[in-house]
Amino acid sequence: MVASQAELLLCASRPSSSTQSLLWRDLAADVDDWSPLIDAAFRHGIGSLLCDRLVSLGGDCVADDLKVAAAQHLNWRRDANHSGLQQLYGVLDALRGAGIRALPFKGPTLSEAYGNIAHRDFRDLDVLVHEPDFARTLVVLEDLGYELPTRHLAPYQLQSYHRRVRQDALFPTAGLTVEPHCGLAQLSFGLDLPVPELFARASEQPLGGRFFAQMSAEDTFLTLALHGGKERWKRLIWLSDVAHFVQAKPDLDWDEIEARARAHGLTTSINLAINLAMKLLSVSFPVEAVRRAVGDRRALQLCRTVQETIEHFEVSVQRREWFEVKKFHWSLLARPRERLSFLSGLINDVRLEDYEAANLSPRLSWLYPAIKAWRRISGQAARDRSLN
């Protein structure tokens, strides 16, 4: 993708302003074929933001049929998001009725920051619960009609799997997938925020037309930085979330954000988020937050890595991709404690297919990491043979 097209994507990702509108018109005037840009925008999760910009263009920069299609998509997205919000209400009400405290996050909760429910695409519904409530949460969701694909595992396997990945996904007969979490990242990532602290600082906040307990604004920013780093910031929607959220929350306590980040090993993560948001989306931050971010050499190096790859949209499944992901994750870890946790998680990480490959008794469950290693080695050997 050429530089002007990349700049158009970045421009579409930024919060609207008169300056951005003028820049958008200037850049759009030079576009001959919108197809690659639209395709890239939807892969980056900012398709609705791009459609909104297309609808707002005056003159003959964009063909009328393209404007009509963009408007139709926004109407569809608005209806789909309203439907998803009602689905989330049902999940939260059911959990509350079962005595389970839950915090919705990502997806619909970020629509408030965008100022228009149609502007923030989401494909699933995420809720955070306390770890002791996780098994009951799955049962409540199953009683609502959601299907749990991992239910075929033995109880101890399912418990072990959830302890490692800290989430699962349940599928409805119609609607969005629901993903309950008992942590913000799997154990092998090495970083997380203590769930009890997130609940302790939560408060009732608007979600569409109703009020539900949600994370504090400072914890939400930390969550955005944690999630973006975990995913290597490879989709612009996560950076757009940061930009819109910071604009919508001008009273964020940046000293508190820095203190919580420092306490939990997330300093590089938040500094990376700030550097990326400043450089790519022109987001303004308080002077002290900027000083800390630009003084973090580890975060600056990671920022350059993301900037250099922002135009590459395909996700590889080769071993090199896995290595690059883990290398990026390792670079986010500044303290020995988190690095030790990362290495331990890497060694003991077991995937769903590893549990499915062997039905070991609980006394032999410690062998699953060895089974994982054998499956990876034998699988790679088979792929190598097929190439010869």
Protein backbone atom coordinates (compact mmCIF):
# COMPACT_ATOMS: atom_id res chain seq x y z
CA MET A 1 0.00 0.00 0.00
CA VAL A 2 1.37 3.41 -0.99
CA ALA A 3 2.02 6.12 1.58
CA SER A 4 -1.01 8.24 0.60
CA GLN A 5 -3.35 5.27 1.08
CA ALA A 6 -1.82 4.47 4.46
CA GLU A 7 -2.30 8.10 5.48
CA LEU A 8 -5.96 7.89 4.45
CA LEU A 9 -6.42 4.88 6.72
CA LEU A 10 -4.73 6.72 9.57
CA CYS A 11 -6.86 9.79 8.93
CA ALA A 12 -10.04 7.67 9.03
CA SER A 13 -8.88 6.20 12.36
CA ARG A 14 -8.55 9.58 14.08
CA PRO A 15 -11.36 11.33 15.95
CA SER A 16 -13.21 13.79 13.73
CA SER A 17 -12.14 17.44 13.71
CA SER A 18 -12.17 20.31 11.24
CA THR A 19 -8.45 19.82 10.60
CA GLN A 20 -8.87 16.12 9.96
CA SER A 21 -11.84 16.77 7.66
CA LEU A 22 -9.76 19.13 5.51
CA LEU A 23 -6.88 16.64 5.39
CA TRP A 24 -9.30 13.85 4.48
CA ARG A 25 -10.72 15.85 1.55
CA ASP A 26 -7.24 16.65 0.23
CA LEU A 27 -6.13 13.03 0.41
CA ALA A 28 -9.39 11.65 -0.99
CA ALA A 29 -9.17 13.88 -4.06
CA ASP A 30 -6.19 11.83 -5.29
CA VAL A 31 -7.81 8.39 -4.95
CA ASP A 32 -8.69 6.69 -8.22
CA ASP A 33 -9.65 3.27 -6.90
CA TRP A 34 -11.22 2.96 -3.44
CA SER A 35 -11.40 -0.86 -3.46
CA PRO A 36 -7.96 -1.61 -1.88
CA LEU A 37 -8.52 1.07 0.74
CA ILE A 38 -11.97 -0.21 1.69
CA ASP A 39 -10.68 -3.78 1.88
CA ALA A 40 -7.78 -2.71 4.12
CA ALA A 41 -10.09 -0.63 6.34
CA PHE A 42 -12.38 -3.57 7.06
CA ARG A 43 -9.42 -5.83 7.80
CA HIS A 44 -8.22 -3.21 10.27
CA GLY A 45 -11.64 -3.00 11.92
CA ILE A 46 -12.21 0.63 10.89
CA GLY A 47 -14.58 -0.03 7.99
CA SER A 48 -17.42 1.92 9.59
CA LEU A 49 -15.17 4.90 10.32
CA LEU A 50 -14.09 4.92 6.66
CA CYS A 51 -17.72 4.71 5.53
CA ASP A 52 -18.60 7.69 7.71
CA ARG A 53 -15.80 9.70 6.09
CA LEU A 54 -16.98 8.66 2.60
CA VAL A 55 -20.54 9.78 3.34
CA SER A 56 -19.31 13.15 4.59
CA LEU A 57 -17.29 13.93 1.46
CA GLY A 58 -18.68 16.68 -0.70
CA GLY A 59 -18.15 17.31 -4.39
CA ASP A 60 -17.31 14.54 -6.81
CA CYS A 61 -14.39 12.94 -4.92
CA VAL A 62 -16.48 9.80 -4.42
CA ALA A 63 -19.02 8.27 -6.79
CA ASP A 64 -22.63 8.50 -5.66
CA ASP A 65 -23.10 4.72 -5.65
CA LEU A 66 -20.13 4.35 -3.29
CA LYS A 67 -21.63 6.95 -0.94
CA VAL A 68 -24.95 5.10 -1.01
CA ALA A 69 -23.21 1.80 -0.21
CA ALA A 70 -21.29 3.45 2.65
CA ALA A 71 -24.50 4.90 4.10
CA GLN A 72 -26.20 1.50 3.84
CA HIS A 73 -23.33 -0.12 5.69
CA LEU A 74 -23.54 2.44 8.49
CA ASN A 75 -27.28 1.79 8.84
CA TRP A 76 -26.63 -1.96 8.95
CA ARG A 77 -23.81 -1.56 11.47
CA ARG A 78 -26.01 0.65 13.68
CA ASP A 79 -28.76 -1.99 13.71
CA ALA A 80 -26.26 -4.83 14.26
CA ASN A 81 -24.59 -3.00 17.14
CA HIS A 82 -27.92 -2.19 18.78
CA SER A 83 -28.81 -5.87 18.50
CA GLY A 84 -25.44 -6.81 19.99
CA LEU A 85 -26.01 -4.38 22.84
CA GLN A 86 -29.37 -5.98 23.64
CA GLN A 87 -27.65 -9.37 23.59
CA LEU A 88 -25.06 -8.08 26.05
CA TYR A 89 -27.83 -6.78 28.31
CA GLY A 90 -29.28 -10.29 28.39
CA VAL A 91 -25.93 -11.82 29.33
CA LEU A 92 -25.25 -9.28 32.09
CA ASP A 93 -28.78 -9.58 33.49
CA ALA A 94 -28.51 -13.38 33.61
CA LEU A 95 -25.15 -13.25 35.37
CA ARG A 96 -26.44 -10.68 37.83
CA GLY A 97 -29.46 -12.88 38.51
CA ALA A 98 -27.09 -15.77 39.30
CA GLY A 99 -25.16 -13.60 41.75
CA ILE A 100 -22.12 -13.30 39.48
CA ARG A 101 -20.44 -9.90 39.21
CA ALA A 102 -19.36 -9.16 35.64
CA LEU A 103 -17.65 -6.26 33.89
CA PRO A 104 -18.26 -5.79 30.16
CA PHE A 105 -15.22 -4.47 28.30
CA LYS A 106 -13.97 -3.75 24.78
CA GLY A 107 -16.57 -3.77 21.98
CA PRO A 108 -19.85 -2.07 22.96
CA THR A 109 -18.35 -0.32 26.00
CA LEU A 110 -16.05 1.65 23.68
CA SER A 111 -18.90 2.86 21.46
CA GLU A 112 -19.59 5.58 24.04
CA ALA A 113 -16.16 7.07 23.31
CA TYR A 114 -16.87 7.18 19.57
CA GLY A 115 -20.07 9.15 20.11
CA ASN A 116 -21.93 6.98 17.60
CA ILE A 117 -22.71 3.31 18.10
CA ALA A 118 -22.33 2.70 14.35
CA HIS A 119 -18.70 3.85 14.30
CA ARG A 120 -17.15 1.08 16.42
CA ASP A 121 -17.24 -2.37 14.79
CA PHE A 122 -17.37 -5.34 17.15
CA ARG A 123 -17.74 -9.04 16.45
CA ASP A 124 -18.06 -10.53 19.94
CA LEU A 125 -19.03 -9.65 23.50
CA ASP A 126 -16.40 -9.73 26.25
CA VAL A 127 -17.21 -9.96 29.95
CA LEU A 128 -14.80 -10.23 32.86
CA VAL A 129 -15.64 -12.29 35.95
CA HIS A 130 -13.77 -13.40 39.04
CA GLU A 131 -11.89 -16.68 38.54
CA PRO A 132 -13.94 -18.57 41.21
CA ASP A 133 -17.09 -17.60 39.26
CA PHE A 134 -15.78 -18.69 35.85
CA ALA A 135 -17.21 -22.24 35.80
CA ARG A 136 -20.63 -20.98 36.97
CA THR A 137 -20.50 -18.27 34.29
CA LEU A 138 -20.18 -20.94 31.62
CA VAL A 139 -23.19 -22.80 33.03
CA VAL A 140 -25.31 -19.62 33.08
CA LEU A 141 -24.43 -18.91 29.46
CA GLU A 142 -25.18 -22.49 28.44
CA ASP A 143 -28.57 -22.19 30.16
CA LEU A 144 -29.19 -19.14 27.95
CA GLY A 145 -28.66 -21.36 24.90
CA TYR A 146 -25.01 -20.67 24.14
CA GLU A 147 -22.87 -23.62 23.05
CA LEU A 148 -19.52 -24.30 24.72
CA PRO A 149 -17.30 -26.19 22.22
CA THR A 150 -14.83 -27.19 24.95
CA ARG A 151 -17.47 -28.92 27.08
CA HIS A 152 -16.37 -32.33 25.70
CA LEU A 153 -13.13 -32.10 27.73
CA ALA A 154 -12.87 -33.92 31.03
CA PRO A 155 -13.66 -31.59 33.97
CA TYR A 156 -10.03 -31.43 35.13
CA GLN A 157 -8.87 -30.78 31.54
CA LEU A 158 -11.36 -27.95 31.15
CA GLN A 159 -10.30 -26.43 34.47
CA SER A 160 -6.62 -26.68 33.53
CA TYR A 161 -7.28 -25.19 30.09
CA HIS A 162 -9.16 -22.24 31.54
CA ARG A 163 -6.50 -21.66 34.17
CA ARG A 164 -3.96 -21.23 31.35
CA VAL A 165 -5.96 -19.25 28.76
CA ARG A 166 -8.28 -17.42 31.21
CA GLN A 167 -11.16 -17.28 28.76
CA ASP A 168 -13.42 -19.28 26.50
CA ALA A 169 -15.88 -18.60 23.68
CA LEU A 170 -19.54 -19.60 23.58
CA PHE A 171 -21.58 -19.53 20.40
CA PRO A 172 -25.28 -18.62 20.08
CA THR A 173 -27.77 -19.98 17.60
CA ALA A 174 -27.98 -16.38 16.34
CA GLY A 175 -26.06 -13.28 17.30
CA LEU A 176 -22.55 -12.60 18.57
CA THR A 177 -20.09 -14.92 20.23
CA VAL A 178 -19.76 -14.32 23.97
CA GLU A 179 -16.26 -14.51 25.47
CA PRO A 180 -16.11 -14.72 29.26
CA HIS A 181 -12.70 -13.93 30.79
CA CYS A 182 -11.19 -14.44 34.23
CA GLY A 183 -8.10 -12.46 33.23
CA LEU A 184 -7.14 -9.95 30.55
CA ALA A 185 -4.43 -12.14 29.02
CA GLN A 186 -3.42 -15.78 29.07
CA LEU A 187 -0.74 -16.89 31.49
CA SER A 188 1.88 -17.32 28.77
CA PHE A 189 1.76 -13.57 27.95
CA GLY A 190 3.43 -12.67 31.23
CA LEU A 191 1.42 -9.48 31.86
CA ASP A 192 -2.01 -8.85 33.34
CA LEU A 193 -3.95 -6.65 35.75
CA PRO A 194 -5.32 -8.13 39.01
CA VAL A 195 -9.01 -8.84 38.45
CA PRO A 196 -10.07 -8.14 42.07
CA GLU A 197 -8.54 -4.65 41.81
CA LEU A 198 -10.42 -3.98 38.56
CA PHE A 199 -13.69 -4.90 40.28
CA ALA A 200 -12.85 -2.85 43.37
CA ARG A 201 -12.38 0.29 41.26
CA ALA A 202 -15.38 -0.34 38.97
CA SER A 203 -18.48 1.85 39.06
CA GLU A 204 -21.92 2.05 37.47
CA GLN A 205 -21.62 3.72 34.07
CA PRO A 206 -23.90 4.18 31.04
CA LEU A 207 -23.94 1.43 28.46
CA GLY A 208 -26.36 2.37 25.73
CA GLY A 209 -29.58 3.23 27.50
CA ARG A 210 -28.80 1.40 30.76
CA PHE A 211 -26.25 1.45 33.56
CA PHE A 212 -23.86 -1.39 34.43
CA ALA A 213 -20.69 -1.78 36.47
CA GLN A 214 -17.66 -1.05 34.27
CA MET A 215 -13.93 -0.53 34.76
CA SER A 216 -12.61 2.85 35.84
CA ALA A 217 -11.39 5.10 33.02
CA GLU A 218 -7.77 4.60 34.08
CA ASP A 219 -8.14 0.81 34.11
CA THR A 220 -9.81 0.95 30.70
CA PHE A 221 -6.81 2.79 29.26
CA LEU A 222 -4.48 0.20 30.80
CA THR A 223 -6.62 -2.55 29.31
CA LEU A 224 -6.42 -0.94 25.85
CA ALA A 225 -2.63 -0.72 26.14
CA LEU A 226 -2.35 -4.30 27.37
CA HIS A 227 -4.57 -5.68 24.61
CA GLY A 228 -2.89 -3.67 21.86
CA GLY A 229 0.55 -4.86 22.93
CA LYS A 230 -0.63 -8.46 23.17
CA GLU A 231 -1.83 -8.20 19.56
CA ARG A 232 1.27 -6.23 18.41
CA TRP A 233 -1.02 -3.32 17.43
CA LYS A 234 -1.48 -4.99 14.05
CA ARG A 235 -5.02 -3.61 13.57
CA LEU A 236 -5.76 0.12 13.55
CA ILE A 237 -9.03 -0.29 15.42
CA TRP A 238 -7.11 -0.82 18.68
CA LEU A 239 -5.15 2.38 18.18
CA SER A 240 -8.32 4.20 17.17
CA ASP A 241 -9.86 3.04 20.47
CA VAL A 242 -7.01 4.74 22.33
CA ALA A 243 -7.43 7.97 20.35
CA HIS A 244 -11.20 8.18 20.80
CA PHE A 245 -11.09 7.13 24.45
CA VAL A 246 -8.44 9.69 25.41
CA GLN A 247 -10.41 12.43 23.64
CA ALA A 248 -13.63 11.38 25.38
CA LYS A 249 -11.96 11.25 28.82
CA PRO A 250 -10.02 14.51 29.25
CA ASP A 251 -9.87 14.05 33.04
CA LEU A 252 -7.85 10.83 33.01
CA ASP A 253 -5.49 10.64 35.99
CA TRP A 254 -2.19 10.01 34.21
CA ASP A 255 -0.17 9.79 37.41
CA GLU A 256 -2.49 7.02 38.58
CA ILE A 257 -2.23 5.24 35.22
CA GLU A 258 1.57 5.39 35.44
CA ALA A 259 1.55 4.14 39.03
CA ARG A 260 -0.70 1.17 38.24
CA ALA A 261 1.34 0.37 35.13
CA ARG A 262 4.57 0.45 37.14
CA ALA A 263 3.08 -1.80 39.82
CA HIS A 264 2.11 -4.46 37.28
CA GLY A 265 4.93 -4.29 34.75
CA LEU A 266 2.92 -2.39 32.13
CA THR A 267 5.10 0.73 31.85
CA THR A 268 6.47 -0.19 28.41
CA SER A 269 2.96 -1.15 27.27
CA ILE A 270 1.42 2.24 28.10
CA ASN A 271 4.41 4.16 26.77
CA LEU A 272 4.16 2.23 23.51
CA ALA A 273 0.44 3.04 23.26
CA ILE A 274 1.12 6.73 23.89
CA ASN A 275 3.97 6.91 21.36
CA LEU A 276 1.92 5.16 18.67
CA ALA A 277 -1.15 7.31 19.30
CA MET A 278 0.95 10.50 19.09
CA LYS A 279 2.96 9.55 16.00
CA LEU A 280 0.26 7.83 13.95
CA LEU A 281 -3.02 9.42 15.08
CA SER A 282 -1.83 12.84 16.34
CA VAL A 283 -3.31 12.33 19.81
CA SER A 284 -2.45 14.92 22.46
CA PHE A 285 -1.35 13.78 25.93
CA PRO A 286 -0.31 15.68 29.08
CA VAL A 287 3.29 16.89 29.05
CA GLU A 288 4.42 14.56 31.82
CA ALA A 289 2.93 11.49 30.12
CA VAL A 290 4.67 12.49 26.87
CA ARG A 291 7.97 12.98 28.68
CA ARG A 292 7.81 9.50 30.17
CA ALA A 293 6.78 7.91 26.86
CA VAL A 294 9.46 9.51 24.68
CA GLY A 295 12.07 8.72 27.30
CA ASP A 296 11.30 5.00 27.18
CA ARG A 297 13.80 3.61 24.67
CA ARG A 298 12.27 0.15 24.71
CA ALA A 299 8.84 1.60 23.86
CA LEU A 300 10.31 3.79 21.11
CA GLN A 301 11.97 0.79 19.46
CA LEU A 302 8.72 -1.16 19.54
CA CYS A 303 6.92 1.90 18.17
CA ARG A 304 9.28 1.95 15.18
CA THR A 305 8.62 -1.76 14.64
CA VAL A 306 4.86 -1.20 14.52
CA GLN A 307 5.22 1.84 12.26
CA GLU A 308 7.37 -0.11 9.82
CA THR A 309 4.78 -2.89 9.53
CA ILE A 310 1.58 -0.84 9.61
CA GLU A 311 1.08 -1.32 5.85
CA HIS A 312 1.26 -5.13 6.01
CA PHE A 313 -2.16 -6.64 6.55
CA GLU A 314 -1.79 -10.38 5.98
CA VAL A 315 -1.34 -12.51 9.10
CA SER A 316 1.16 -15.32 8.57
CA VAL A 317 0.72 -18.71 10.19
CA GLN A 318 4.31 -19.77 9.73
CA ARG A 319 6.78 -20.38 12.55
CA ARG A 320 8.41 -17.02 11.84
CA GLU A 321 5.15 -15.27 12.70
CA TRP A 322 4.99 -17.14 16.01
CA PHE A 323 8.60 -16.20 16.76
CA GLU A 324 8.01 -12.54 15.91
CA VAL A 325 4.96 -12.42 18.18
CA LYS A 326 6.86 -13.91 21.11
CA LYS A 327 9.83 -11.63 20.46
CA PHE A 328 7.50 -8.62 20.56
CA HIS A 329 5.89 -9.86 23.77
CA TRP A 330 9.31 -10.41 25.35
CA SER A 331 10.26 -6.81 24.52
CA LEU A 332 7.27 -5.55 26.49
CA LEU A 333 8.60 -7.19 29.64
CA ALA A 334 11.08 -5.01 31.54
CA ARG A 335 11.30 -6.82 34.87
CA PRO A 336 12.73 -10.27 35.69
CA ARG A 337 9.48 -11.27 37.41
CA GLU A 338 7.39 -10.85 34.24
CA ARG A 339 10.07 -12.42 32.05
CA LEU A 340 10.19 -15.48 34.31
CA SER A 341 6.39 -15.72 34.15
CA PHE A 342 6.56 -15.44 30.35
CA LEU A 343 9.16 -18.22 30.05
CA SER A 344 7.25 -20.46 32.43
CA GLY A 345 4.04 -19.86 30.51
CA LEU A 346 5.78 -20.52 27.21
CA ILE A 347 7.09 -23.88 28.41
CA ASN A 348 3.84 -24.97 30.05
CA ASP A 349 1.44 -23.48 27.51
CA VAL A 350 -1.00 -26.15 26.33
CA ARG A 351 -3.57 -25.60 23.60
CA LEU A 352 -7.01 -27.11 23.24
CA GLU A 353 -5.87 -29.57 20.58
CA ASP A 354 -3.17 -30.85 22.96
CA TYR A 355 -5.81 -31.82 25.51
CA GLU A 356 -7.85 -33.42 22.74
CA ALA A 357 -4.85 -35.45 21.53
CA ALA A 358 -4.57 -37.47 24.75
CA ASN A 359 -7.05 -38.13 27.53
CA LEU A 360 -4.58 -38.37 30.41
CA SER A 361 -5.60 -38.97 33.99
CA PRO A 362 -5.28 -36.01 36.39
CA ARG A 363 -2.14 -37.58 37.91
CA LEU A 364 -0.44 -37.51 34.48
CA SER A 365 -1.65 -34.05 33.41
CA TRP A 366 1.88 -32.70 33.91
CA LEU A 367 2.77 -34.54 30.68
CA TYR A 368 0.64 -32.24 28.49
CA PRO A 369 3.50 -29.76 27.82
CA ALA A 370 5.58 -32.71 26.58
CA ILE A 371 2.70 -33.81 24.34
CA LYS A 372 2.50 -30.27 22.98
CA ALA A 373 6.22 -30.28 22.16
CA TRP A 374 5.99 -33.68 20.46
CA ARG A 375 2.99 -32.58 18.38
CA ARG A 376 4.75 -29.38 17.27
CA ILE A 377 7.94 -31.24 16.31
CA SER A 378 6.15 -34.08 14.50
CA GLY A 379 3.83 -31.63 12.78
CA GLN A 380 6.72 -29.52 11.52
CA ALA A 381 8.55 -32.65 10.35
CA ALA A 382 5.47 -33.66 8.36
CA ARG A 383 5.26 -30.19 6.78
CA ASP A 384 8.95 -30.32 5.90
CA ARG A 385 8.50 -33.72 4.23
CA SER A 386 5.57 -32.43 2.20
CA LEU A 387 7.79 -29.65 0.82
CA ASN A 388 10.51 -32.06 -0.32
